[in-house]
Amino acid sequence: MTNFLEVKNLTMQFGGLTAVDNLSFKVEHGTIHGLIGPNGAGKTTTFNMISGFYTPTKGQVLLRGEDISGLKMYEVARRGVVRTFQHSTLFAELTVLENALVGTHMPFRPNIFAAIIGWDKEDRRGAEARAREALEFFGLDDLLDERAGDLSHGHQRALGMAVAYASHPDVILLDEPFTGMNPEETRQMMDLMNRLKADGMTILLVEHDMQAIMGLCDQITCMSFGKFLAEGGPQEIRHHPAVIEAYLGGARHVA
């Protein structure tokens, strides 16, 4: 396996506050990599720098060796890195299929709606085929005409992933995908992530659900106060003294 995505000495400062401090880690191709840490550790800020939402104060984000730090989000997406957000960013009034159609054009132009209006018939057919493929992959093909805002919480999360998947990315960044899910929805989402991995996708995951993290991830990087704290496989991280201290102040184990 190769180091597909690399975060190198990444630093993000807001005024006098350093949210991420000289952080480095590597994500191997075709793996599920967890990014964990207590609240305020800097995980989402790190995601924002990788995805192009923030420009790092210092450091680099490398994809296949290319420096992508400082690029706009659609330019990062064009190179194959897309993300979902903590809170659903679906278009509630659009149908499930229409949301997935938006996803097919994410990497191409900064103005998604202008792009859709500008489609010719051939563009539309190709985009619709990709959208339907993504929805089928996530088990949403029987909900094509439902309003996104009317879906259950679990289906909305799955649709958010389908929208990202419809752009045919190489890397998906998932920001707390299990938040608010019941155990059955969590199990289904874990199954979907394993299917994405089997399909050759690389996943970088920020999540507080330690059971899901330990059950899914090949490798886990732990942050604390904006800095790298520890890294390893699930068993190693579960029993790592510094991780236990950061989360629980010395309780017996993380999960």
Protein backbone atom coordinates (compact mmCIF):
# COMPACT_ATOMS: atom_id res chain seq x y z
CA MET A 1 0.00 0.00 0.00
CA THR A 2 1.16 3.52 -0.75
CA ASN A 3 0.85 6.77 1.16
CA PHE A 4 -1.96 8.25 -0.83
CA LEU A 5 -2.85 11.28 1.27
CA GLU A 6 -0.30 12.99 3.48
CA VAL A 7 -0.70 15.79 6.00
CA LYS A 8 2.71 17.39 6.58
CA ASN A 9 3.45 19.83 9.42
CA LEU A 10 -0.05 21.27 9.08
CA THR A 11 -0.77 24.36 11.18
CA MET A 12 -3.89 26.54 11.39
CA GLN A 13 -3.97 29.76 13.38
CA PHE A 14 -6.97 32.02 14.00
CA GLY A 15 -5.57 35.27 15.33
CA GLY A 16 -3.63 34.28 18.45
CA LEU A 17 -5.22 30.80 18.66
CA THR A 18 -3.44 27.78 17.19
CA ALA A 19 -6.20 25.28 16.36
CA VAL A 20 -3.90 22.75 14.65
CA ASP A 21 -0.20 22.70 15.54
CA ASN A 22 2.42 21.08 13.27
CA LEU A 23 0.29 17.98 12.57
CA SER A 24 1.61 15.18 10.36
CA PHE A 25 0.10 11.81 9.39
CA LYS A 26 -0.29 9.60 6.30
CA VAL A 27 -3.33 7.78 4.91
CA GLU A 28 -2.73 4.67 2.82
CA HIS A 29 -4.71 4.00 -0.34
CA GLY A 30 -7.77 1.76 0.02
CA THR A 31 -7.95 1.99 3.83
CA ILE A 32 -10.32 3.45 6.40
CA HIS A 33 -8.31 5.86 8.54
CA GLY A 34 -9.77 7.35 11.71
CA LEU A 35 -8.97 10.80 13.08
CA ILE A 36 -10.01 11.00 16.74
CA GLY A 37 -9.52 13.19 19.77
CA PRO A 38 -11.46 14.93 22.53
CA ASN A 39 -13.71 17.90 21.72
CA GLY A 40 -11.61 20.86 20.60
CA ALA A 41 -8.69 18.67 19.47
CA GLY A 42 -8.70 20.24 15.98
CA LYS A 43 -10.14 17.36 13.96
CA THR A 44 -12.73 19.32 11.96
CA THR A 45 -10.25 22.15 11.37
CA THR A 46 -7.88 19.54 9.92
CA PHE A 47 -10.68 18.30 7.65
CA ASN A 48 -11.36 21.88 6.58
CA MET A 49 -7.72 22.28 5.51
CA ILE A 50 -7.59 18.96 3.65
CA SER A 51 -10.83 19.69 1.76
CA GLY A 52 -9.89 23.26 0.78
CA PHE A 53 -12.37 24.99 3.09
CA TYR A 54 -9.43 26.61 4.93
CA THR A 55 -5.97 27.52 3.65
CA PRO A 56 -3.36 26.29 6.15
CA THR A 57 -1.25 28.88 7.95
CA LYS A 58 1.71 26.54 7.44
CA GLY A 59 2.36 23.02 6.16
CA GLN A 60 1.08 20.96 3.26
CA VAL A 61 -1.63 18.53 2.22
CA LEU A 62 -0.23 16.12 -0.37
CA LEU A 63 -2.37 13.89 -2.61
CA ARG A 64 -0.33 11.38 -4.63
CA GLY A 65 2.63 13.65 -3.89
CA GLU A 66 0.92 16.79 -5.27
CA ASP A 67 0.53 19.75 -2.93
CA ILE A 68 -3.21 20.53 -2.82
CA SER A 69 -3.17 22.83 0.24
CA GLY A 70 -4.65 26.23 -0.47
CA LEU A 71 -6.73 25.07 -3.45
CA LYS A 72 -10.45 25.91 -3.49
CA MET A 73 -12.87 23.16 -2.46
CA TYR A 74 -14.05 22.45 -6.02
CA GLU A 75 -10.41 22.25 -7.17
CA VAL A 76 -9.65 19.74 -4.41
CA ALA A 77 -12.80 17.80 -5.39
CA ARG A 78 -11.66 17.82 -9.02
CA ARG A 79 -8.50 16.02 -7.88
CA GLY A 80 -10.63 13.35 -6.21
CA VAL A 81 -11.09 14.45 -2.57
CA VAL A 82 -14.66 15.14 -1.41
CA ARG A 83 -16.17 15.51 2.04
CA THR A 84 -19.39 15.28 3.95
CA PHE A 85 -20.18 17.61 6.85
CA GLN A 86 -21.25 17.06 10.46
CA HIS A 87 -24.65 18.50 9.64
CA SER A 88 -26.50 17.47 6.53
CA THR A 89 -25.92 19.79 3.58
CA LEU A 90 -28.61 18.24 1.40
CA PHE A 91 -31.05 20.32 -0.61
CA ALA A 92 -34.16 19.50 1.41
CA GLU A 93 -36.66 20.63 -1.25
CA LEU A 94 -35.01 18.59 -4.03
CA THR A 95 -35.66 14.91 -4.58
CA VAL A 96 -33.18 12.17 -3.72
CA LEU A 97 -32.29 11.81 -7.42
CA GLU A 98 -31.85 15.57 -7.86
CA ASN A 99 -29.48 15.71 -4.88
CA ALA A 100 -27.40 12.90 -6.36
CA LEU A 101 -27.35 14.73 -9.72
CA VAL A 102 -25.82 17.73 -7.95
CA GLY A 103 -23.10 15.38 -6.67
CA THR A 104 -22.17 14.28 -10.18
CA HIS A 105 -21.16 17.84 -11.03
CA MET A 106 -19.33 18.73 -7.80
CA PRO A 107 -15.81 18.41 -9.21
CA PHE A 108 -16.38 20.28 -12.43
CA ARG A 109 -17.55 23.85 -11.88
CA PRO A 110 -17.78 26.11 -8.83
CA ASN A 111 -21.39 27.07 -9.62
CA ILE A 112 -23.25 23.77 -9.47
CA PHE A 113 -26.62 25.18 -10.53
CA ALA A 114 -25.14 26.96 -13.55
CA ALA A 115 -23.52 23.67 -14.48
CA ILE A 116 -26.83 21.81 -14.30
CA ILE A 117 -28.66 24.45 -16.35
CA GLY A 118 -25.89 24.22 -18.94
CA TRP A 119 -26.19 20.45 -19.41
CA ASP A 120 -27.03 19.10 -22.83
CA LYS A 121 -28.95 15.84 -23.25
CA GLU A 122 -25.81 13.72 -23.34
CA ASP A 123 -24.46 15.35 -20.16
CA ARG A 124 -27.79 14.79 -18.48
CA ARG A 125 -27.94 11.10 -19.45
CA GLY A 126 -24.41 10.43 -18.22
CA ALA A 127 -24.98 12.32 -14.97
CA GLU A 128 -28.26 10.55 -14.31
CA ALA A 129 -26.64 7.15 -14.87
CA ARG A 130 -23.91 8.04 -12.31
CA ALA A 131 -26.48 9.41 -9.87
CA ARG A 132 -28.64 6.27 -10.10
CA GLU A 133 -25.56 4.06 -9.69
CA ALA A 134 -24.59 5.93 -6.51
CA LEU A 135 -28.11 5.70 -5.08
CA GLU A 136 -28.31 1.98 -5.84
CA PHE A 137 -24.92 1.45 -4.14
CA PHE A 138 -26.30 3.05 -0.96
CA GLY A 139 -29.66 1.27 -1.12
CA LEU A 140 -31.65 4.41 -1.92
CA ASP A 141 -32.84 3.50 -5.41
CA ASP A 142 -36.44 2.97 -4.21
CA LEU A 143 -36.54 6.54 -2.84
CA LEU A 144 -35.60 8.47 -6.01
CA ASP A 145 -38.62 10.77 -6.00
CA GLU A 146 -38.79 11.40 -2.24
CA ARG A 147 -37.93 14.89 -0.97
CA ALA A 148 -34.57 14.77 0.77
CA GLY A 149 -36.05 16.71 3.70
CA ASP A 150 -38.62 13.95 4.27
CA LEU A 151 -36.08 11.13 4.66
CA SER A 152 -35.21 9.49 7.97
CA HIS A 153 -31.99 10.60 9.67
CA GLY A 154 -30.17 7.44 8.57
CA HIS A 155 -31.32 7.80 4.97
CA GLN A 156 -30.28 11.46 4.93
CA ARG A 157 -26.77 10.47 6.07
CA ALA A 158 -26.65 7.74 3.42
CA LEU A 159 -27.81 10.26 0.78
CA GLY A 160 -25.05 12.66 1.85
CA MET A 161 -22.53 9.88 1.19
CA ALA A 162 -24.22 9.00 -2.11
CA VAL A 163 -23.94 12.64 -3.25
CA ALA A 164 -20.20 12.51 -2.48
CA TYR A 165 -19.82 9.09 -4.13
CA ALA A 166 -21.61 10.26 -7.29
CA SER A 167 -18.61 12.47 -8.11
CA HIS A 168 -16.41 9.34 -8.36
CA PRO A 169 -13.86 10.47 -5.76
CA ASP A 170 -10.68 8.69 -4.72
CA VAL A 171 -10.92 9.89 -1.11
CA ILE A 172 -14.04 10.60 0.96
CA LEU A 173 -13.71 12.66 4.14
CA LEU A 174 -16.52 11.80 6.55
CA ASP A 175 -17.15 14.24 9.42
CA GLU A 176 -18.98 12.47 12.27
CA PRO A 177 -21.25 10.32 10.07
CA PHE A 178 -22.70 8.39 13.05
CA THR A 179 -23.94 11.41 15.03
CA GLY A 180 -27.55 10.94 16.12
CA MET A 181 -27.86 7.43 14.71
CA ASN A 182 -29.51 4.54 16.50
CA PRO A 183 -27.62 1.19 16.70
CA GLU A 184 -29.30 -0.22 13.57
CA GLU A 185 -28.53 2.91 11.51
CA THR A 186 -24.94 2.81 12.80
CA ARG A 187 -24.57 -0.83 11.75
CA GLN A 188 -25.95 -0.07 8.28
CA MET A 189 -23.59 2.92 7.89
CA MET A 190 -20.62 0.75 8.91
CA ASP A 191 -21.65 -1.78 6.27
CA LEU A 192 -21.77 1.00 3.65
CA MET A 193 -18.29 2.19 4.57
CA ASN A 194 -16.90 -1.33 4.28
CA ARG A 195 -18.53 -1.56 0.84
CA LEU A 196 -16.86 1.71 -0.18
CA LYS A 197 -13.52 0.34 0.97
CA ALA A 198 -14.12 -2.89 -0.97
CA ASP A 199 -14.88 -0.70 -4.00
CA GLY A 200 -11.35 0.77 -3.75
CA MET A 201 -12.25 3.97 -1.93
CA THR A 202 -9.98 5.59 0.65
CA ILE A 203 -11.87 6.97 3.67
CA LEU A 204 -10.70 9.46 6.28
CA LEU A 205 -13.14 9.54 9.15
CA VAL A 206 -13.66 11.94 12.08
CA GLU A 207 -15.92 10.34 14.66
CA HIS A 208 -16.69 10.28 18.40
CA ASP A 209 -18.39 6.85 18.34
CA MET A 210 -15.45 4.77 19.56
CA GLN A 211 -17.21 1.47 18.94
CA ALA A 212 -17.68 2.38 15.27
CA ILE A 213 -14.09 3.69 14.98
CA MET A 214 -12.59 0.56 16.54
CA GLY A 215 -14.76 -1.70 14.39
CA LEU A 216 -14.03 0.06 11.08
CA CYS A 217 -10.58 1.59 10.95
CA ASP A 218 -7.37 0.05 9.69
CA GLN A 219 -5.33 2.86 11.24
CA ILE A 220 -6.21 5.59 13.74
CA THR A 221 -4.53 8.95 14.38
CA CYS A 222 -5.33 10.62 17.71
CA MET A 223 -5.05 14.40 18.23
CA SER A 224 -5.11 16.42 21.43
CA PHE A 225 -5.07 20.23 21.71
CA GLY A 226 -4.32 20.54 17.99
CA LYS A 227 -1.28 18.26 18.09
CA PHE A 228 -0.47 14.70 17.07
CA LEU A 229 -0.82 12.44 20.12
CA ALA A 230 -0.63 8.81 18.96
CA GLU A 231 -1.18 6.52 15.99
CA GLY A 232 -1.73 2.82 15.45
CA GLY A 233 -4.27 0.07 14.83
CA PRO A 234 -7.50 -0.14 16.84
CA GLN A 235 -6.10 -2.44 19.54
CA GLU A 236 -2.98 -0.33 19.96
CA ILE A 237 -4.98 2.91 20.26
CA ARG A 238 -7.58 1.34 22.55
CA HIS A 239 -4.89 0.61 25.16
CA HIS A 240 -2.51 3.53 24.48
CA PRO A 241 -1.82 5.30 27.82
CA ALA A 242 -1.67 8.81 26.27
CA VAL A 243 -4.99 8.27 24.45
CA ILE A 244 -6.66 6.93 27.58
CA GLU A 245 -5.38 9.92 29.53
CA ALA A 246 -6.57 12.41 26.88
CA TYR A 247 -10.07 10.95 26.74
CA LEU A 248 -10.76 9.70 30.21
CA GLY A 249 -8.10 11.06 32.54
CA GLY A 250 -6.65 7.65 33.21
CA ALA A 251 -9.71 5.34 33.04
CA ARG A 252 -8.99 1.79 31.96
CA HIS A 253 -9.62 1.89 28.21
CA VAL A 254 -11.02 3.99 25.40
CA ALA A 255 -13.79 1.71 24.16
